[in-house]
Structure formats: C-alpha cells, structure tokens
C-alpha cells in the first residue's frame, strides 16, 4: 500500500488590530510554511468518509525559527554548507547538554542566576534545518520577504496595556504569561512555539511542543498536542459558534478542499499573546494541512 508519507502546513495570520501591521496590499498577510516531513505526497489515501487521510503522529523536527534572524535580511534559504554548519554546531551543543555534570564543580555564585536547563536535559532536541521544497529555510515565515512579523509600530497587547495602567510584572498572577501559568502551551500557531532556535544555547527548543496527533471522523478533526496534552476539537462547518467568550487556541472550524484540510480559528483569548507572537482579540488564524 502506498501511503501519504508527509504533510506540509501552510499558516496564514490575519492582520491583528493594533498588533500586526497591514501591508501596502491588504490581501498580503504573514505566510508560514512548515514541513512535517520533507517528502512528496503520493497517492493520498482517504478515510472511510472520503476525506484525505491526515491521521497519525506528526512532528516538526528542526531548529528553524518562526522569524528570520535580522542579520539574514531577505535571505530565505541557507546553502547546503551553511545548513550543515548550523547542524554541526547544534549537535556539539546537544552533546554538551546531555554530558554528565562535574561532581566537583563549585557552588553557584552568590546572587547569580540559576537557569532551567535541567528541565530540557531529558528531551531530544531537534538539530536539523527545515527543508521545504528542497530549500533549507532560514525561517518559517516566508512572506513578508524579511521573514519577520509585520508588527505595527507602537502596538500594544493586553500585557502592555496593563503595564501602562501601572501594574508591575509580578503584581498578581494575571501579569504573568499563560505559558508560565500552565494555562496554554504558548503560541497560537501550532507546532511553532519553541523555546530556542538557531543561534541559541538550546538549539532545538522544547521538543513536546512540536508533537501532534491528528484524528478524523465524519464531523470533526481532533489535533492533540503532546505538550500540555492540548486538544483542539475542530468542527467541520462554515460558521463559527456564537459562544460568548474567547477560548485558549480559539474557536476553530474546518473544511476539506482537494487533498487539503483548511482550518480557520478566531476568538482567541487576549491573554494568549506571547513573546513569540503578540496578538489581540482581533487575531485570526488560517491553516492548510496538505
């Protein structure tokens, strides 16, 4: 039996009021291309309901960041030699990360900072560079051409607004981010919220963020994330619900188009704005799983 051996997620972020800047062409919004495995789609199997079968366990095993490092400008891809150099460096860092500690090491410096590196020492850190259609990508964002989020100058999310009202970062739990409070797995964009990336001491980020399972039936698609055991229950529908409140990961609906699953999400909680992706109550997300 010939199976679908890999899928690609294309993510489009609708411009967010007060956060993402509209560009000269209002139809252009940030475009993110994420390979879950860089192999061609062949003879896509169907579910018993006639939908393209996307079910299975999927991951994003790379150290490629969401946004392109500023010094790379409009360079969308690395050469093979450049990509291999980054992989080699990451593997050196990874070997050092898992090495045994020196039992005779000195005590931490008084008043020094003790990081959370031990939290990541038991995880497998991806070290590869994402390869999409044969190109080693410098970032997952490919439009705008600088690979960066088009943030509106002077934009503010809910945390910025609260700080302007005089609240400090430690004035109550509400001032801390949703990830720190274990309320959500972090970023609104699936598979892309990583702790680290190219050029950091933690090259591959936090591995569980990248692992998902897709399950399909006649009326729903379920995407289960390993991190936080986050479950997205997505209705096959063309209308969003009239639920009066906003939700973590938003309200999602979907439909099939050819061999693709198209998902649209809105009504995200404002508190889900993150350092990875600042957003507002106007944030909307479109995903295409192919």
C-alpha atoms as a PDB file:
ATOM      1  CA  UNK A   1       0.000   0.000   0.000  1.00  0.00           C
ATOM      2  CA  UNK A   2       1.325   3.466  -0.900  1.00  0.00           C
ATOM      3  CA  UNK A   3       0.718   5.949   1.874  1.00  0.00           C
ATOM      4  CA  UNK A   4       0.925   9.706   2.349  1.00  0.00           C
ATOM      5  CA  UNK A   5       4.425   9.967   3.817  1.00  0.00           C
ATOM      6  CA  UNK A   6       4.456  13.583   4.882  1.00  0.00           C
ATOM      7  CA  UNK A   7       2.332  16.698   5.189  1.00  0.00           C
ATOM      8  CA  UNK A   8       3.041  20.417   4.940  1.00  0.00           C
ATOM      9  CA  UNK A   9       1.220  23.041   6.982  1.00  0.00           C
ATOM     10  CA  UNK A  10       0.749  26.480   5.438  1.00  0.00           C
ATOM     11  CA  UNK A  11      -0.341  29.056   8.019  1.00  0.00           C
ATOM     12  CA  UNK A  12      -1.770  32.495   7.242  1.00  0.00           C
ATOM     13  CA  UNK A  13      -2.160  35.054  10.013  1.00  0.00           C
ATOM     14  CA  UNK A  14      -4.862  37.640   9.502  1.00  0.00           C
ATOM     15  CA  UNK A  15      -3.772  41.150  10.448  1.00  0.00           C
ATOM     16  CA  UNK A  16      -4.495  41.848  14.109  1.00  0.00           C
ATOM     17  CA  UNK A  17      -5.991  45.148  15.114  1.00  0.00           C
ATOM     18  CA  UNK A  18      -3.335  47.117  16.967  1.00  0.00           C
ATOM     19  CA  UNK A  19      -0.660  44.440  16.679  1.00  0.00           C
ATOM     20  CA  UNK A  20       0.110  43.251  13.129  1.00  0.00           C
ATOM     21  CA  UNK A  21       0.547  45.943  10.518  1.00  0.00           C
ATOM     22  CA  UNK A  22      -1.395  45.727   7.287  1.00  0.00           C
ATOM     23  CA  UNK A  23       0.971  45.970   4.348  1.00  0.00           C
ATOM     24  CA  UNK A  24       0.523  48.039   1.187  1.00  0.00           C
ATOM     25  CA  UNK A  25      -1.584  45.248  -0.299  1.00  0.00           C
ATOM     26  CA  UNK A  26      -4.287  44.412   2.311  1.00  0.00           C
ATOM     27  CA  UNK A  27      -4.519  40.890   0.908  1.00  0.00           C
ATOM     28  CA  UNK A  28      -0.920  40.136   1.947  1.00  0.00           C
ATOM     29  CA  UNK A  29      -0.578  38.695   5.436  1.00  0.00           C
ATOM     30  CA  UNK A  30       2.229  36.701   7.078  1.00  0.00           C
ATOM     31  CA  UNK A  31       2.684  33.335   5.376  1.00  0.00           C
ATOM     32  CA  UNK A  32       4.308  30.434   7.222  1.00  0.00           C
ATOM     33  CA  UNK A  33       5.384  27.204   5.545  1.00  0.00           C
ATOM     34  CA  UNK A  34       6.079  24.281   7.889  1.00  0.00           C
ATOM     35  CA  UNK A  35       7.307  20.868   6.719  1.00  0.00           C
ATOM     36  CA  UNK A  36       6.391  17.978   8.980  1.00  0.00           C
ATOM     37  CA  UNK A  37       8.450  15.697   6.720  1.00  0.00           C
ATOM     38  CA  UNK A  38      10.124  16.847   3.507  1.00  0.00           C
ATOM     39  CA  UNK A  39       8.969  14.104   1.164  1.00  0.00           C
ATOM     40  CA  UNK A  40       6.445  14.268  -1.680  1.00  0.00           C
ATOM     41  CA  UNK A  41       2.792  13.426  -1.288  1.00  0.00           C
ATOM     42  CA  UNK A  42       1.900  10.340  -3.318  1.00  0.00           C
ATOM     43  CA  UNK A  43      -1.423   8.541  -3.768  1.00  0.00           C
ATOM     44  CA  UNK A  44      -3.111  10.264  -0.835  1.00  0.00           C
ATOM     45  CA  UNK A  45      -5.281   7.695   0.982  1.00  0.00           C
ATOM     46  CA  UNK A  46      -8.828   8.534   2.033  1.00  0.00           C
ATOM     47  CA  UNK A  47     -10.700   7.956   5.264  1.00  0.00           C
ATOM     48  CA  UNK A  48     -13.882   5.879   5.321  1.00  0.00           C
ATOM     49  CA  UNK A  49     -15.762   9.182   4.902  1.00  0.00           C
ATOM     50  CA  UNK A  50     -13.889  10.100   1.709  1.00  0.00           C
ATOM     51  CA  UNK A  51     -11.655  12.762   3.284  1.00  0.00           C
ATOM     52  CA  UNK A  52      -7.874  12.934   2.681  1.00  0.00           C
ATOM     53  CA  UNK A  53      -6.386  10.805   5.453  1.00  0.00           C
ATOM     54  CA  UNK A  54      -4.123  13.025   7.568  1.00  0.00           C
ATOM     55  CA  UNK A  55      -4.356  10.832  10.655  1.00  0.00           C
ATOM     56  CA  UNK A  56      -1.237   9.859  12.511  1.00  0.00           C
ATOM     57  CA  UNK A  57       1.589  11.189  14.656  1.00  0.00           C
ATOM     58  CA  UNK A  58       3.395  14.217  13.270  1.00  0.00           C
ATOM     59  CA  UNK A  59       6.310  16.392  14.358  1.00  0.00           C
ATOM     60  CA  UNK A  60       8.360  19.385  13.260  1.00  0.00           C
ATOM     61  CA  UNK A  61      11.930  18.149  13.841  1.00  0.00           C
ATOM     62  CA  UNK A  62      14.002  21.252  13.168  1.00  0.00           C
ATOM     63  CA  UNK A  63      15.767  24.149  14.850  1.00  0.00           C
ATOM     64  CA  UNK A  64      14.477  26.636  12.274  1.00  0.00           C
ATOM     65  CA  UNK A  65      12.816  29.628  13.998  1.00  0.00           C
ATOM     66  CA  UNK A  66       9.443  31.168  13.243  1.00  0.00           C
ATOM     67  CA  UNK A  67      11.015  34.563  12.481  1.00  0.00           C
ATOM     68  CA  UNK A  68      14.218  35.002  10.485  1.00  0.00           C
ATOM     69  CA  UNK A  69      17.281  36.332  12.330  1.00  0.00           C
ATOM     70  CA  UNK A  70      17.518  40.042  11.494  1.00  0.00           C
ATOM     71  CA  UNK A  71      21.064  39.850  10.125  1.00  0.00           C
ATOM     72  CA  UNK A  72      19.906  37.488   7.340  1.00  0.00           C
ATOM     73  CA  UNK A  73      17.689  40.172   5.812  1.00  0.00           C
ATOM     74  CA  UNK A  74      15.722  38.788   2.863  1.00  0.00           C
ATOM     75  CA  UNK A  75      17.767  35.582   2.546  1.00  0.00           C
ATOM     76  CA  UNK A  76      15.093  32.875   2.519  1.00  0.00           C
ATOM     77  CA  UNK A  77      17.370  29.843   2.305  1.00  0.00           C
ATOM     78  CA  UNK A  78      20.744  28.606   3.506  1.00  0.00           C
ATOM     79  CA  UNK A  79      23.226  26.898   1.239  1.00  0.00           C
ATOM     80  CA  UNK A  80      23.763  23.229   1.973  1.00  0.00           C
ATOM     81  CA  UNK A  81      27.132  24.053   3.565  1.00  0.00           C
ATOM     82  CA  UNK A  82      25.614  26.757   5.774  1.00  0.00           C
ATOM     83  CA  UNK A  83      22.818  24.452   6.885  1.00  0.00           C
ATOM     84  CA  UNK A  84      25.290  21.676   7.706  1.00  0.00           C
ATOM     85  CA  UNK A  85      27.402  24.114   9.740  1.00  0.00           C
ATOM     86  CA  UNK A  86      24.382  25.025  11.874  1.00  0.00           C
ATOM     87  CA  UNK A  87      23.518  21.350  12.326  1.00  0.00           C
ATOM     88  CA  UNK A  88      27.105  20.562  13.374  1.00  0.00           C
ATOM     89  CA  UNK A  89      27.079  23.396  15.916  1.00  0.00           C
ATOM     90  CA  UNK A  90      23.740  22.291  17.313  1.00  0.00           C
ATOM     91  CA  UNK A  91      24.961  18.718  17.678  1.00  0.00           C
ATOM     92  CA  UNK A  92      28.022  19.921  19.614  1.00  0.00           C
ATOM     93  CA  UNK A  93      25.755  21.910  21.930  1.00  0.00           C
ATOM     94  CA  UNK A  94      23.451  18.920  22.282  1.00  0.00           C
ATOM     95  CA  UNK A  95      26.289  16.590  23.265  1.00  0.00           C
ATOM     96  CA  UNK A  96      27.425  19.105  25.874  1.00  0.00           C
ATOM     97  CA  UNK A  97      23.855  19.402  27.142  1.00  0.00           C
ATOM     98  CA  UNK A  98      23.485  15.686  27.860  1.00  0.00           C
ATOM     99  CA  UNK A  99      27.016  15.209  29.231  1.00  0.00           C
ATOM    100  CA  UNK A 100      27.412  14.263  32.887  1.00  0.00           C
ATOM    101  CA  UNK A 101      27.930  17.147  35.290  1.00  0.00           C
ATOM    102  CA  UNK A 102      31.249  17.550  37.055  1.00  0.00           C
ATOM    103  CA  UNK A 103      30.656  16.265  40.585  1.00  0.00           C
ATOM    104  CA  UNK A 104      33.450  18.552  41.837  1.00  0.00           C
ATOM    105  CA  UNK A 105      32.044  21.748  40.341  1.00  0.00           C
ATOM    106  CA  UNK A 106      31.870  24.778  42.592  1.00  0.00           C
ATOM    107  CA  UNK A 107      28.700  26.200  44.072  1.00  0.00           C
ATOM    108  CA  UNK A 108      26.751  28.843  42.132  1.00  0.00           C
ATOM    109  CA  UNK A 109      27.908  32.408  42.567  1.00  0.00           C
ATOM    110  CA  UNK A 110      26.062  34.234  45.335  1.00  0.00           C
ATOM    111  CA  UNK A 111      23.264  36.220  43.780  1.00  0.00           C
ATOM    112  CA  UNK A 112      23.774  34.541  40.411  1.00  0.00           C
ATOM    113  CA  UNK A 113      21.081  33.251  38.109  1.00  0.00           C
ATOM    114  CA  UNK A 114      20.245  29.556  38.000  1.00  0.00           C
ATOM    115  CA  UNK A 115      18.524  28.673  34.743  1.00  0.00           C
ATOM    116  CA  UNK A 116      16.069  25.888  33.916  1.00  0.00           C
ATOM    117  CA  UNK A 117      18.406  23.940  31.665  1.00  0.00           C
ATOM    118  CA  UNK A 118      17.774  20.785  33.716  1.00  0.00           C
ATOM    119  CA  UNK A 119      14.159  20.868  32.518  1.00  0.00           C
ATOM    120  CA  UNK A 120      15.316  20.265  28.977  1.00  0.00           C
ATOM    121  CA  UNK A 121      18.094  17.780  29.611  1.00  0.00           C
ATOM    122  CA  UNK A 122      15.797  14.776  29.344  1.00  0.00           C
ATOM    123  CA  UNK A 123      14.375  15.781  25.964  1.00  0.00           C
ATOM    124  CA  UNK A 124      15.564  15.087  22.445  1.00  0.00           C
ATOM    125  CA  UNK A 125      16.446  18.418  20.890  1.00  0.00           C
ATOM    126  CA  UNK A 126      15.958  18.558  17.112  1.00  0.00           C
ATOM    127  CA  UNK A 127      19.065  19.850  15.373  1.00  0.00           C
ATOM    128  CA  UNK A 128      18.100  19.792  11.678  1.00  0.00           C
ATOM    129  CA  UNK A 129      17.328  22.808   9.487  1.00  0.00           C
ATOM    130  CA  UNK A 130      13.819  22.771   7.989  1.00  0.00           C
ATOM    131  CA  UNK A 131      13.907  21.873   4.313  1.00  0.00           C
ATOM    132  CA  UNK A 132      10.890  22.893   2.228  1.00  0.00           C
ATOM    133  CA  UNK A 133      10.740  22.014  -1.459  1.00  0.00           C
ATOM    134  CA  UNK A 134      14.474  21.397  -1.440  1.00  0.00           C
ATOM    135  CA  UNK A 135      15.375  24.711   0.234  1.00  0.00           C
ATOM    136  CA  UNK A 136      16.958  24.965   3.695  1.00  0.00           C
ATOM    137  CA  UNK A 137      14.767  27.653   5.237  1.00  0.00           C
ATOM    138  CA  UNK A 138      16.137  30.462   7.397  1.00  0.00           C
ATOM    139  CA  UNK A 139      12.676  30.924   8.954  1.00  0.00           C
ATOM    140  CA  UNK A 140       9.180  29.505   8.713  1.00  0.00           C
ATOM    141  CA  UNK A 141       7.786  32.895   7.750  1.00  0.00           C
ATOM    142  CA  UNK A 142       8.353  33.435   4.026  1.00  0.00           C
ATOM    143  CA  UNK A 143       6.101  36.448   3.412  1.00  0.00           C
ATOM    144  CA  UNK A 144       6.883  39.305   4.149  1.00  0.00           C
ATOM    145  CA  UNK A 145      10.210  38.834   2.400  1.00  0.00           C
ATOM    146  CA  UNK A 146      12.221  39.690   5.522  1.00  0.00           C
ATOM    147  CA  UNK A 147      10.739  36.663   7.287  1.00  0.00           C
ATOM    148  CA  UNK A 148       9.572  38.787  10.211  1.00  0.00           C
ATOM    149  CA  UNK A 149       6.179  39.544  11.712  1.00  0.00           C
ATOM    150  CA  UNK A 150       4.940  42.919  10.414  1.00  0.00           C
ATOM    151  CA  UNK A 151       4.368  44.407  13.855  1.00  0.00           C
ATOM    152  CA  UNK A 152       2.622  47.780  13.878  1.00  0.00           C
ATOM    153  CA  UNK A 153       4.887  50.442  15.496  1.00  0.00           C
ATOM    154  CA  UNK A 154       3.582  51.334  18.922  1.00  0.00           C
ATOM    155  CA  UNK A 155       1.302  48.310  19.060  1.00  0.00           C
ATOM    156  CA  UNK A 156       0.211  47.006  22.445  1.00  0.00           C
ATOM    157  CA  UNK A 157      -1.141  43.696  23.607  1.00  0.00           C
ATOM    158  CA  UNK A 158      -3.084  43.136  26.821  1.00  0.00           C
ATOM    159  CA  UNK A 159       0.069  42.865  28.931  1.00  0.00           C
ATOM    160  CA  UNK A 160       1.394  46.156  27.544  1.00  0.00           C
ATOM    161  CA  UNK A 161      -1.928  47.806  28.341  1.00  0.00           C
ATOM    162  CA  UNK A 162      -1.843  46.521  31.920  1.00  0.00           C
ATOM    163  CA  UNK A 163       1.735  47.728  32.402  1.00  0.00           C
ATOM    164  CA  UNK A 164       0.707  51.180  31.149  1.00  0.00           C
ATOM    165  CA  UNK A 165      -2.005  51.161  33.820  1.00  0.00           C
ATOM    166  CA  UNK A 166       0.741  50.822  36.422  1.00  0.00           C
ATOM    167  CA  UNK A 167       0.786  47.094  37.074  1.00  0.00           C
ATOM    168  CA  UNK A 168       4.195  45.523  37.522  1.00  0.00           C
ATOM    169  CA  UNK A 169       5.278  42.169  36.102  1.00  0.00           C
ATOM    170  CA  UNK A 170       4.805  40.496  39.480  1.00  0.00           C
ATOM    171  CA  UNK A 171       1.636  42.286  40.630  1.00  0.00           C
ATOM    172  CA  UNK A 172      -0.555  39.209  40.688  1.00  0.00           C
ATOM    173  CA  UNK A 173      -0.687  36.075  38.542  1.00  0.00           C
ATOM    174  CA  UNK A 174      -2.595  37.781  35.736  1.00  0.00           C
ATOM    175  CA  UNK A 175       0.541  39.713  34.778  1.00  0.00           C
ATOM    176  CA  UNK A 176       2.441  36.524  34.065  1.00  0.00           C
ATOM    177  CA  UNK A 177       2.156  34.818  30.680  1.00  0.00           C
ATOM    178  CA  UNK A 178      -0.289  31.999  30.023  1.00  0.00           C
ATOM    179  CA  UNK A 179       2.521  29.512  29.397  1.00  0.00           C
ATOM    180  CA  UNK A 180       4.180  30.262  32.717  1.00  0.00           C
ATOM    181  CA  UNK A 181       0.819  29.778  34.451  1.00  0.00           C
ATOM    182  CA  UNK A 182       0.247  26.468  32.594  1.00  0.00           C
ATOM    183  CA  UNK A 183      -2.972  27.803  31.048  1.00  0.00           C
ATOM    184  CA  UNK A 184      -1.953  27.174  27.444  1.00  0.00           C
ATOM    185  CA  UNK A 185       1.026  25.697  25.590  1.00  0.00           C
ATOM    186  CA  UNK A 186       2.124  29.132  24.468  1.00  0.00           C
ATOM    187  CA  UNK A 187       1.874  30.333  20.888  1.00  0.00           C
ATOM    188  CA  UNK A 188      -1.376  30.374  18.933  1.00  0.00           C
ATOM    189  CA  UNK A 189       0.313  28.851  15.867  1.00  0.00           C
ATOM    190  CA  UNK A 190       0.543  25.044  16.042  1.00  0.00           C
ATOM    191  CA  UNK A 191       3.968  23.392  16.124  1.00  0.00           C
ATOM    192  CA  UNK A 192       5.876  26.670  16.120  1.00  0.00           C
ATOM    193  CA  UNK A 193       6.095  27.683  19.773  1.00  0.00           C
ATOM    194  CA  UNK A 194       9.614  26.574  20.639  1.00  0.00           C
ATOM    195  CA  UNK A 195      11.994  27.519  23.415  1.00  0.00           C
ATOM    196  CA  UNK A 196      15.167  28.217  21.484  1.00  0.00           C
ATOM    197  CA  UNK A 197      16.183  28.042  17.865  1.00  0.00           C
ATOM    198  CA  UNK A 198      19.079  28.893  15.592  1.00  0.00           C
ATOM    199  CA  UNK A 199      21.824  30.774  17.411  1.00  0.00           C
ATOM    200  CA  UNK A 200      20.762  29.912  20.968  1.00  0.00           C
ATOM    201  CA  UNK A 201      22.304  27.630  23.550  1.00  0.00           C
ATOM    202  CA  UNK A 202      19.226  25.434  23.306  1.00  0.00           C
ATOM    203  CA  UNK A 203      19.315  24.762  19.562  1.00  0.00           C
ATOM    204  CA  UNK A 204      16.177  22.756  19.036  1.00  0.00           C
ATOM    205  CA  UNK A 205      13.759  24.188  21.545  1.00  0.00           C
ATOM    206  CA  UNK A 206      11.339  22.198  23.660  1.00  0.00           C
ATOM    207  CA  UNK A 207      10.534  19.000  21.788  1.00  0.00           C
ATOM    208  CA  UNK A 208       6.998  18.205  23.083  1.00  0.00           C
ATOM    209  CA  UNK A 209       5.692  21.477  21.621  1.00  0.00           C
ATOM    210  CA  UNK A 210       6.251  20.003  18.168  1.00  0.00           C
ATOM    211  CA  UNK A 211       4.497  16.663  18.511  1.00  0.00           C
ATOM    212  CA  UNK A 212       0.856  16.275  17.478  1.00  0.00           C
ATOM    213  CA  UNK A 213      -1.626  13.523  16.674  1.00  0.00           C
ATOM    214  CA  UNK A 214      -4.408  14.043  14.120  1.00  0.00           C
ATOM    215  CA  UNK A 215      -7.670  12.061  14.316  1.00  0.00           C
ATOM    216  CA  UNK A 216     -10.562  12.460  11.857  1.00  0.00           C
ATOM    217  CA  UNK A 217     -14.184  11.326  11.784  1.00  0.00           C
ATOM    218  CA  UNK A 218     -17.260  12.332   9.816  1.00  0.00           C
ATOM    219  CA  UNK A 219     -17.924  15.656  11.556  1.00  0.00           C
ATOM    220  CA  UNK A 220     -14.752  16.607  13.420  1.00  0.00           C
ATOM    221  CA  UNK A 221     -10.980  16.772  13.298  1.00  0.00           C
ATOM    222  CA  UNK A 222      -9.065  16.436  16.555  1.00  0.00           C
ATOM    223  CA  UNK A 223      -5.488  17.671  16.904  1.00  0.00           C
ATOM    224  CA  UNK A 224      -3.822  16.516  20.122  1.00  0.00           C
ATOM    225  CA  UNK A 225      -0.605  18.235  21.160  1.00  0.00           C
ATOM    226  CA  UNK A 226       1.798  16.350  23.400  1.00  0.00           C
ATOM    227  CA  UNK A 227       2.722  19.485  25.311  1.00  0.00           C
ATOM    228  CA  UNK A 228       0.026  20.243  27.923  1.00  0.00           C
ATOM    229  CA  UNK A 229      -1.982  17.368  26.346  1.00  0.00           C
ATOM    230  CA  UNK A 230      -3.661  20.180  24.443  1.00  0.00           C
ATOM    231  CA  UNK A 231      -6.719  19.055  22.472  1.00  0.00           C
ATOM    232  CA  UNK A 232      -8.218  21.084  19.623  1.00  0.00           C
ATOM    233  CA  UNK A 233     -11.677  19.778  18.665  1.00  0.00           C
ATOM    234  CA  UNK A 234     -12.383  21.274  15.246  1.00  0.00           C
ATOM    235  CA  UNK A 235     -15.873  21.206  13.729  1.00  0.00           C
ATOM    236  CA  UNK A 236     -16.397  20.641  10.023  1.00  0.00           C
ATOM    237  CA  UNK A 237     -18.523  23.722   9.430  1.00  0.00           C
ATOM    238  CA  UNK A 238     -18.595  27.034   7.597  1.00  0.00           C
ATOM    239  CA  UNK A 239     -19.850  29.029  10.590  1.00  0.00           C
ATOM    240  CA  UNK A 240     -18.184  29.860  13.881  1.00  0.00           C
ATOM    241  CA  UNK A 241     -20.136  29.296  17.074  1.00  0.00           C
ATOM    242  CA  UNK A 242     -21.967  32.056  18.919  1.00  0.00           C
ATOM    243  CA  UNK A 243     -20.157  31.185  22.151  1.00  0.00           C
ATOM    244  CA  UNK A 244     -19.965  34.492  24.043  1.00  0.00           C
ATOM    245  CA  UNK A 245     -16.444  34.071  25.446  1.00  0.00           C
ATOM    246  CA  UNK A 246     -12.990  33.710  23.921  1.00  0.00           C
ATOM    247  CA  UNK A 247     -11.042  30.446  24.135  1.00  0.00           C
ATOM    248  CA  UNK A 248      -7.500  29.228  24.524  1.00  0.00           C
ATOM    249  CA  UNK A 249      -6.383  28.278  20.973  1.00  0.00           C
ATOM    250  CA  UNK A 250      -9.534  29.986  19.669  1.00  0.00           C
ATOM    251  CA  UNK A 251     -12.737  28.672  18.106  1.00  0.00           C
ATOM    252  CA  UNK A 252     -11.848  26.504  15.091  1.00  0.00           C
ATOM    253  CA  UNK A 253     -13.887  25.338  12.098  1.00  0.00           C
ATOM    254  CA  UNK A 254     -12.683  23.434   9.031  1.00  0.00           C
ATOM    255  CA  UNK A 255     -13.489  22.085   5.583  1.00  0.00           C
ATOM    256  CA  UNK A 256     -11.731  19.905   3.016  1.00  0.00           C
ATOM    257  CA  UNK A 257     -10.550  21.217  -0.326  1.00  0.00           C
ATOM    258  CA  UNK A 258      -8.991  18.647  -2.626  1.00  0.00           C
ATOM    259  CA  UNK A 259      -6.248  16.905  -0.655  1.00  0.00           C
ATOM    260  CA  UNK A 260      -6.093  19.678   1.949  1.00  0.00           C
ATOM    261  CA  UNK A 261      -7.727  20.386   5.292  1.00  0.00           C
ATOM    262  CA  UNK A 262      -8.433  24.118   5.721  1.00  0.00           C
ATOM    263  CA  UNK A 263      -8.861  25.358   9.305  1.00  0.00           C
ATOM    264  CA  UNK A 264      -9.929  28.844  10.381  1.00  0.00           C
ATOM    265  CA  UNK A 265      -9.722  29.992  14.003  1.00  0.00           C
ATOM    266  CA  UNK A 266     -10.764  33.176  15.775  1.00  0.00           C
ATOM    267  CA  UNK A 267     -11.966  34.303  19.230  1.00  0.00           C
ATOM    268  CA  UNK A 268      -8.597  33.730  20.916  1.00  0.00           C
ATOM    269  CA  UNK A 269      -8.161  34.911  24.477  1.00  0.00           C
ATOM    270  CA  UNK A 270      -6.148  38.124  24.663  1.00  0.00           C
ATOM    271  CA  UNK A 271      -4.012  36.595  27.414  1.00  0.00           C
ATOM    272  CA  UNK A 272      -2.600  34.122  24.893  1.00  0.00           C
ATOM    273  CA  UNK A 273      -0.471  36.878  23.396  1.00  0.00           C
ATOM    274  CA  UNK A 274       3.142  35.721  23.678  1.00  0.00           C
ATOM    275  CA  UNK A 275       6.661  36.920  23.053  1.00  0.00           C
ATOM    276  CA  UNK A 276       6.715  34.591  20.059  1.00  0.00           C
ATOM    277  CA  UNK A 277       3.546  36.083  18.595  1.00  0.00           C
ATOM    278  CA  UNK A 278       1.890  39.124  20.112  1.00  0.00           C
ATOM    279  CA  UNK A 279      -1.814  39.320  19.326  1.00  0.00           C
ATOM    280  CA  UNK A 280      -5.100  40.966  20.220  1.00  0.00           C
ATOM    281  CA  UNK A 281      -8.750  39.966  20.377  1.00  0.00           C
ATOM    282  CA  UNK A 282      -8.870  40.503  16.586  1.00  0.00           C
ATOM    283  CA  UNK A 283      -6.343  37.734  15.933  1.00  0.00           C
ATOM    284  CA  UNK A 284      -7.392  35.171  13.306  1.00  0.00           C
ATOM    285  CA  UNK A 285      -5.538  32.139  12.006  1.00  0.00           C
ATOM    286  CA  UNK A 286      -5.878  30.097   8.806  1.00  0.00           C
ATOM    287  CA  UNK A 287      -4.123  26.730   8.450  1.00  0.00           C
ATOM    288  CA  UNK A 288      -3.839  24.414   5.481  1.00  0.00           C
ATOM    289  CA  UNK A 289      -2.762  20.807   6.103  1.00  0.00           C
ATOM    290  CA  UNK A 290      -1.786  19.102   2.865  1.00  0.00           C
END
